């Protein structure tokens, strides 16, 4: 859930701890694991020129990288990962600007492609039934 940095980052930047936190994760063979870790207050500057100030990060080991961006950062903006033309693209912006709904997009696409209306939601089904009932009452 939270952003994590390695001891290498702490040392390279000469960071001073601001507190402690208990980190819970997954250890060998999927076993739950927890340990106490120092925390630091940092300003995070991402390669796409997004800056997030005052991020509380924990120091811990991470496999394959030095910084693991957690949901504490991701939930402040819009994150999209696409794979168009076999090219993976990661994009992130702050603040969040709009709702991205791939379900709505695929339903619209399928409707245009097949000429078939996407399935109605329960709320849409209820409204349609009420409209049909009103029509029948009017015809009596």
C-alpha atoms as a PDB file:
ATOM      1  CA  UNK A   1       0.000   0.000   0.000  1.00  0.00           C
ATOM      2  CA  UNK A   2       2.835   2.401   0.840  1.00  0.00           C
ATOM      3  CA  UNK A   3       5.863   3.608  -1.083  1.00  0.00           C
ATOM      4  CA  UNK A   4       9.131   1.864  -0.223  1.00  0.00           C
ATOM      5  CA  UNK A   5      12.776   2.825  -0.812  1.00  0.00           C
ATOM      6  CA  UNK A   6      15.931   0.771  -0.329  1.00  0.00           C
ATOM      7  CA  UNK A   7      18.814   1.399   2.056  1.00  0.00           C
ATOM      8  CA  UNK A   8      20.870   2.360  -1.030  1.00  0.00           C
ATOM      9  CA  UNK A   9      18.516   5.298  -1.720  1.00  0.00           C
ATOM     10  CA  UNK A  10      18.617   6.342   1.930  1.00  0.00           C
ATOM     11  CA  UNK A  11      22.427   6.269   1.934  1.00  0.00           C
ATOM     12  CA  UNK A  12      22.884   7.901  -1.493  1.00  0.00           C
ATOM     13  CA  UNK A  13      20.574  10.801  -0.550  1.00  0.00           C
ATOM     14  CA  UNK A  14      21.709  11.093   3.070  1.00  0.00           C
ATOM     15  CA  UNK A  15      18.147  10.884   4.355  1.00  0.00           C
ATOM     16  CA  UNK A  16      17.345  11.225   8.056  1.00  0.00           C
ATOM     17  CA  UNK A  17      14.570   9.040   9.530  1.00  0.00           C
ATOM     18  CA  UNK A  18      11.322  10.704  10.595  1.00  0.00           C
ATOM     19  CA  UNK A  19       9.714   7.729  12.354  1.00  0.00           C
ATOM     20  CA  UNK A  20       9.025   4.009  12.216  1.00  0.00           C
ATOM     21  CA  UNK A  21       6.330   1.781  10.773  1.00  0.00           C
ATOM     22  CA  UNK A  22       5.537  -1.935  10.712  1.00  0.00           C
ATOM     23  CA  UNK A  23       5.725  -3.301   7.180  1.00  0.00           C
ATOM     24  CA  UNK A  24       3.670  -6.356   6.312  1.00  0.00           C
ATOM     25  CA  UNK A  25       4.478  -8.370   3.236  1.00  0.00           C
ATOM     26  CA  UNK A  26       4.952 -11.801   1.795  1.00  0.00           C
ATOM     27  CA  UNK A  27       8.026 -13.831   2.637  1.00  0.00           C
ATOM     28  CA  UNK A  28       9.436 -17.120   1.350  1.00  0.00           C
ATOM     29  CA  UNK A  29       6.859 -19.648   0.133  1.00  0.00           C
ATOM     30  CA  UNK A  30       4.128 -16.997   0.412  1.00  0.00           C
ATOM     31  CA  UNK A  31       4.279 -16.848   4.192  1.00  0.00           C
ATOM     32  CA  UNK A  32       3.112 -13.559   5.781  1.00  0.00           C
ATOM     33  CA  UNK A  33       6.005 -11.524   7.091  1.00  0.00           C
ATOM     34  CA  UNK A  34       6.304  -8.265   9.031  1.00  0.00           C
ATOM     35  CA  UNK A  35       9.125  -6.113  10.319  1.00  0.00           C
ATOM     36  CA  UNK A  36       9.700  -2.625  11.707  1.00  0.00           C
ATOM     37  CA  UNK A  37      11.190  -0.088   9.281  1.00  0.00           C
ATOM     38  CA  UNK A  38      12.406   3.487   9.424  1.00  0.00           C
ATOM     39  CA  UNK A  39      10.294   6.073   7.590  1.00  0.00           C
ATOM     40  CA  UNK A  40      11.419   9.171   5.728  1.00  0.00           C
ATOM     41  CA  UNK A  41       9.608  12.209   4.380  1.00  0.00           C
ATOM     42  CA  UNK A  42      10.583  12.808   0.740  1.00  0.00           C
ATOM     43  CA  UNK A  43       9.555  14.757  -2.326  1.00  0.00           C
ATOM     44  CA  UNK A  44       9.007  12.311  -5.173  1.00  0.00           C
ATOM     45  CA  UNK A  45       9.785  13.467  -8.730  1.00  0.00           C
ATOM     46  CA  UNK A  46       8.658  11.033 -11.419  1.00  0.00           C
ATOM     47  CA  UNK A  47      10.234  10.851 -14.906  1.00  0.00           C
ATOM     48  CA  UNK A  48       7.103  12.353 -16.516  1.00  0.00           C
ATOM     49  CA  UNK A  49       7.585  15.621 -14.550  1.00  0.00           C
ATOM     50  CA  UNK A  50       4.962  14.783 -11.924  1.00  0.00           C
ATOM     51  CA  UNK A  51       6.112  15.829  -8.449  1.00  0.00           C
ATOM     52  CA  UNK A  52       4.465  14.688  -5.232  1.00  0.00           C
ATOM     53  CA  UNK A  53       5.595  16.494  -2.139  1.00  0.00           C
ATOM     54  CA  UNK A  54       5.834  15.169   1.404  1.00  0.00           C
ATOM     55  CA  UNK A  55       5.533  11.438   0.738  1.00  0.00           C
ATOM     56  CA  UNK A  56       6.137   9.259   3.810  1.00  0.00           C
ATOM     57  CA  UNK A  57       8.177   6.267   2.622  1.00  0.00           C
ATOM     58  CA  UNK A  58       9.466   3.187   4.415  1.00  0.00           C
ATOM     59  CA  UNK A  59      12.955   1.737   4.094  1.00  0.00           C
ATOM     60  CA  UNK A  60      13.018  -1.926   3.163  1.00  0.00           C
ATOM     61  CA  UNK A  61      14.520  -4.366   0.691  1.00  0.00           C
ATOM     62  CA  UNK A  62      12.891  -4.526  -2.733  1.00  0.00           C
ATOM     63  CA  UNK A  63      13.677  -7.110  -5.371  1.00  0.00           C
ATOM     64  CA  UNK A  64      14.780  -5.666  -8.717  1.00  0.00           C
ATOM     65  CA  UNK A  65      14.486  -1.928  -8.028  1.00  0.00           C
ATOM     66  CA  UNK A  66      15.288   0.840  -5.529  1.00  0.00           C
ATOM     67  CA  UNK A  67      11.874   2.528  -5.301  1.00  0.00           C
ATOM     68  CA  UNK A  68       8.462   0.866  -5.191  1.00  0.00           C
ATOM     69  CA  UNK A  69       5.662   3.379  -5.726  1.00  0.00           C
ATOM     70  CA  UNK A  70       2.714   2.417  -3.556  1.00  0.00           C
ATOM     71  CA  UNK A  71      -1.006   3.092  -3.584  1.00  0.00           C
ATOM     72  CA  UNK A  72      -0.386   6.080  -1.297  1.00  0.00           C
ATOM     73  CA  UNK A  73       1.022   7.819  -4.399  1.00  0.00           C
ATOM     74  CA  UNK A  74      -0.973   6.091  -7.154  1.00  0.00           C
ATOM     75  CA  UNK A  75      -4.348   6.972  -5.610  1.00  0.00           C
ATOM     76  CA  UNK A  76      -3.535  10.690  -5.892  1.00  0.00           C
ATOM     77  CA  UNK A  77      -3.880  10.639  -9.677  1.00  0.00           C
ATOM     78  CA  UNK A  78      -4.850   8.723 -12.799  1.00  0.00           C
ATOM     79  CA  UNK A  79      -2.827   5.641 -13.735  1.00  0.00           C
ATOM     80  CA  UNK A  80      -3.145   3.862 -17.070  1.00  0.00           C
ATOM     81  CA  UNK A  81      -1.189   0.954 -18.518  1.00  0.00           C
ATOM     82  CA  UNK A  82      -1.818   0.181 -22.172  1.00  0.00           C
ATOM     83  CA  UNK A  83      -0.391  -2.346 -24.612  1.00  0.00           C
ATOM     84  CA  UNK A  84      -1.329  -0.912 -28.012  1.00  0.00           C
ATOM     85  CA  UNK A  85       0.603  -2.416 -30.954  1.00  0.00           C
ATOM     86  CA  UNK A  86       2.547  -4.664 -28.525  1.00  0.00           C
ATOM     87  CA  UNK A  87       4.056  -1.561 -26.896  1.00  0.00           C
ATOM     88  CA  UNK A  88       3.477  -1.257 -23.151  1.00  0.00           C
ATOM     89  CA  UNK A  89       2.879   2.330 -22.087  1.00  0.00           C
ATOM     90  CA  UNK A  90       2.675   3.484 -18.477  1.00  0.00           C
ATOM     91  CA  UNK A  91       1.103   6.886 -17.896  1.00  0.00           C
ATOM     92  CA  UNK A  92       0.404   8.736 -14.647  1.00  0.00           C
ATOM     93  CA  UNK A  93      -0.947  12.214 -13.941  1.00  0.00           C
ATOM     94  CA  UNK A  94      -1.777  14.265 -10.876  1.00  0.00           C
ATOM     95  CA  UNK A  95      -4.387  15.398 -10.127  1.00  0.00           C
ATOM     96  CA  UNK A  96      -6.922  12.865 -11.340  1.00  0.00           C
ATOM     97  CA  UNK A  97      -8.739  14.523 -14.250  1.00  0.00           C
ATOM     98  CA  UNK A  98     -11.432  12.136 -15.405  1.00  0.00           C
ATOM     99  CA  UNK A  99     -12.877   8.694 -14.944  1.00  0.00           C
ATOM    100  CA  UNK A 100     -11.456   6.139 -17.339  1.00  0.00           C
ATOM    101  CA  UNK A 101     -13.924   3.294 -17.826  1.00  0.00           C
ATOM    102  CA  UNK A 102     -12.784   0.550 -20.170  1.00  0.00           C
ATOM    103  CA  UNK A 103     -16.049  -1.376 -19.638  1.00  0.00           C
ATOM    104  CA  UNK A 104     -18.105   1.481 -21.101  1.00  0.00           C
ATOM    105  CA  UNK A 105     -15.628   1.849 -23.957  1.00  0.00           C
ATOM    106  CA  UNK A 106     -15.725  -1.851 -24.873  1.00  0.00           C
ATOM    107  CA  UNK A 107     -19.532  -1.921 -24.702  1.00  0.00           C
ATOM    108  CA  UNK A 108     -19.715   1.059 -27.081  1.00  0.00           C
ATOM    109  CA  UNK A 109     -17.146  -0.555 -29.372  1.00  0.00           C
ATOM    110  CA  UNK A 110     -19.011  -3.881 -29.410  1.00  0.00           C
ATOM    111  CA  UNK A 111     -22.285  -2.088 -30.107  1.00  0.00           C
ATOM    112  CA  UNK A 112     -20.789  -0.329 -33.141  1.00  0.00           C
ATOM    113  CA  UNK A 113     -18.972  -3.434 -34.322  1.00  0.00           C
ATOM    114  CA  UNK A 114     -21.800  -5.944 -34.017  1.00  0.00           C
ATOM    115  CA  UNK A 115     -24.779  -3.629 -34.069  1.00  0.00           C
ATOM    116  CA  UNK A 116     -25.863  -5.326 -30.846  1.00  0.00           C
ATOM    117  CA  UNK A 117     -26.889  -3.374 -27.790  1.00  0.00           C
ATOM    118  CA  UNK A 118     -24.765  -4.166 -24.713  1.00  0.00           C
ATOM    119  CA  UNK A 119     -26.588  -5.873 -21.830  1.00  0.00           C
ATOM    120  CA  UNK A 120     -28.707  -3.557 -19.706  1.00  0.00           C
ATOM    121  CA  UNK A 121     -27.698  -2.917 -16.129  1.00  0.00           C
ATOM    122  CA  UNK A 122     -30.243  -3.893 -13.445  1.00  0.00           C
ATOM    123  CA  UNK A 123     -31.146  -0.208 -13.065  1.00  0.00           C
ATOM    124  CA  UNK A 124     -31.664   0.172 -16.838  1.00  0.00           C
ATOM    125  CA  UNK A 125     -33.776  -3.014 -16.888  1.00  0.00           C
ATOM    126  CA  UNK A 126     -35.997  -1.652 -14.099  1.00  0.00           C
ATOM    127  CA  UNK A 127     -36.466   1.670 -15.930  1.00  0.00           C
ATOM    128  CA  UNK A 128     -37.360  -0.153 -19.155  1.00  0.00           C
ATOM    129  CA  UNK A 129     -39.944  -2.350 -17.354  1.00  0.00           C
ATOM    130  CA  UNK A 130     -41.518   0.732 -15.727  1.00  0.00           C
ATOM    131  CA  UNK A 131     -41.659   2.496 -19.097  1.00  0.00           C
ATOM    132  CA  UNK A 132     -43.338  -0.549 -20.681  1.00  0.00           C
ATOM    133  CA  UNK A 133     -45.856  -0.762 -17.817  1.00  0.00           C
ATOM    134  CA  UNK A 134     -46.698   2.922 -18.194  1.00  0.00           C
ATOM    135  CA  UNK A 135     -47.257   2.407 -21.943  1.00  0.00           C
ATOM    136  CA  UNK A 136     -49.624  -0.527 -21.308  1.00  0.00           C
ATOM    137  CA  UNK A 137     -51.629   1.453 -18.727  1.00  0.00           C
ATOM    138  CA  UNK A 138     -51.937   4.353 -21.148  1.00  0.00           C
ATOM    139  CA  UNK A 139     -53.260   2.020 -23.879  1.00  0.00           C
ATOM    140  CA  UNK A 140     -56.110   0.691 -21.716  1.00  0.00           C
END
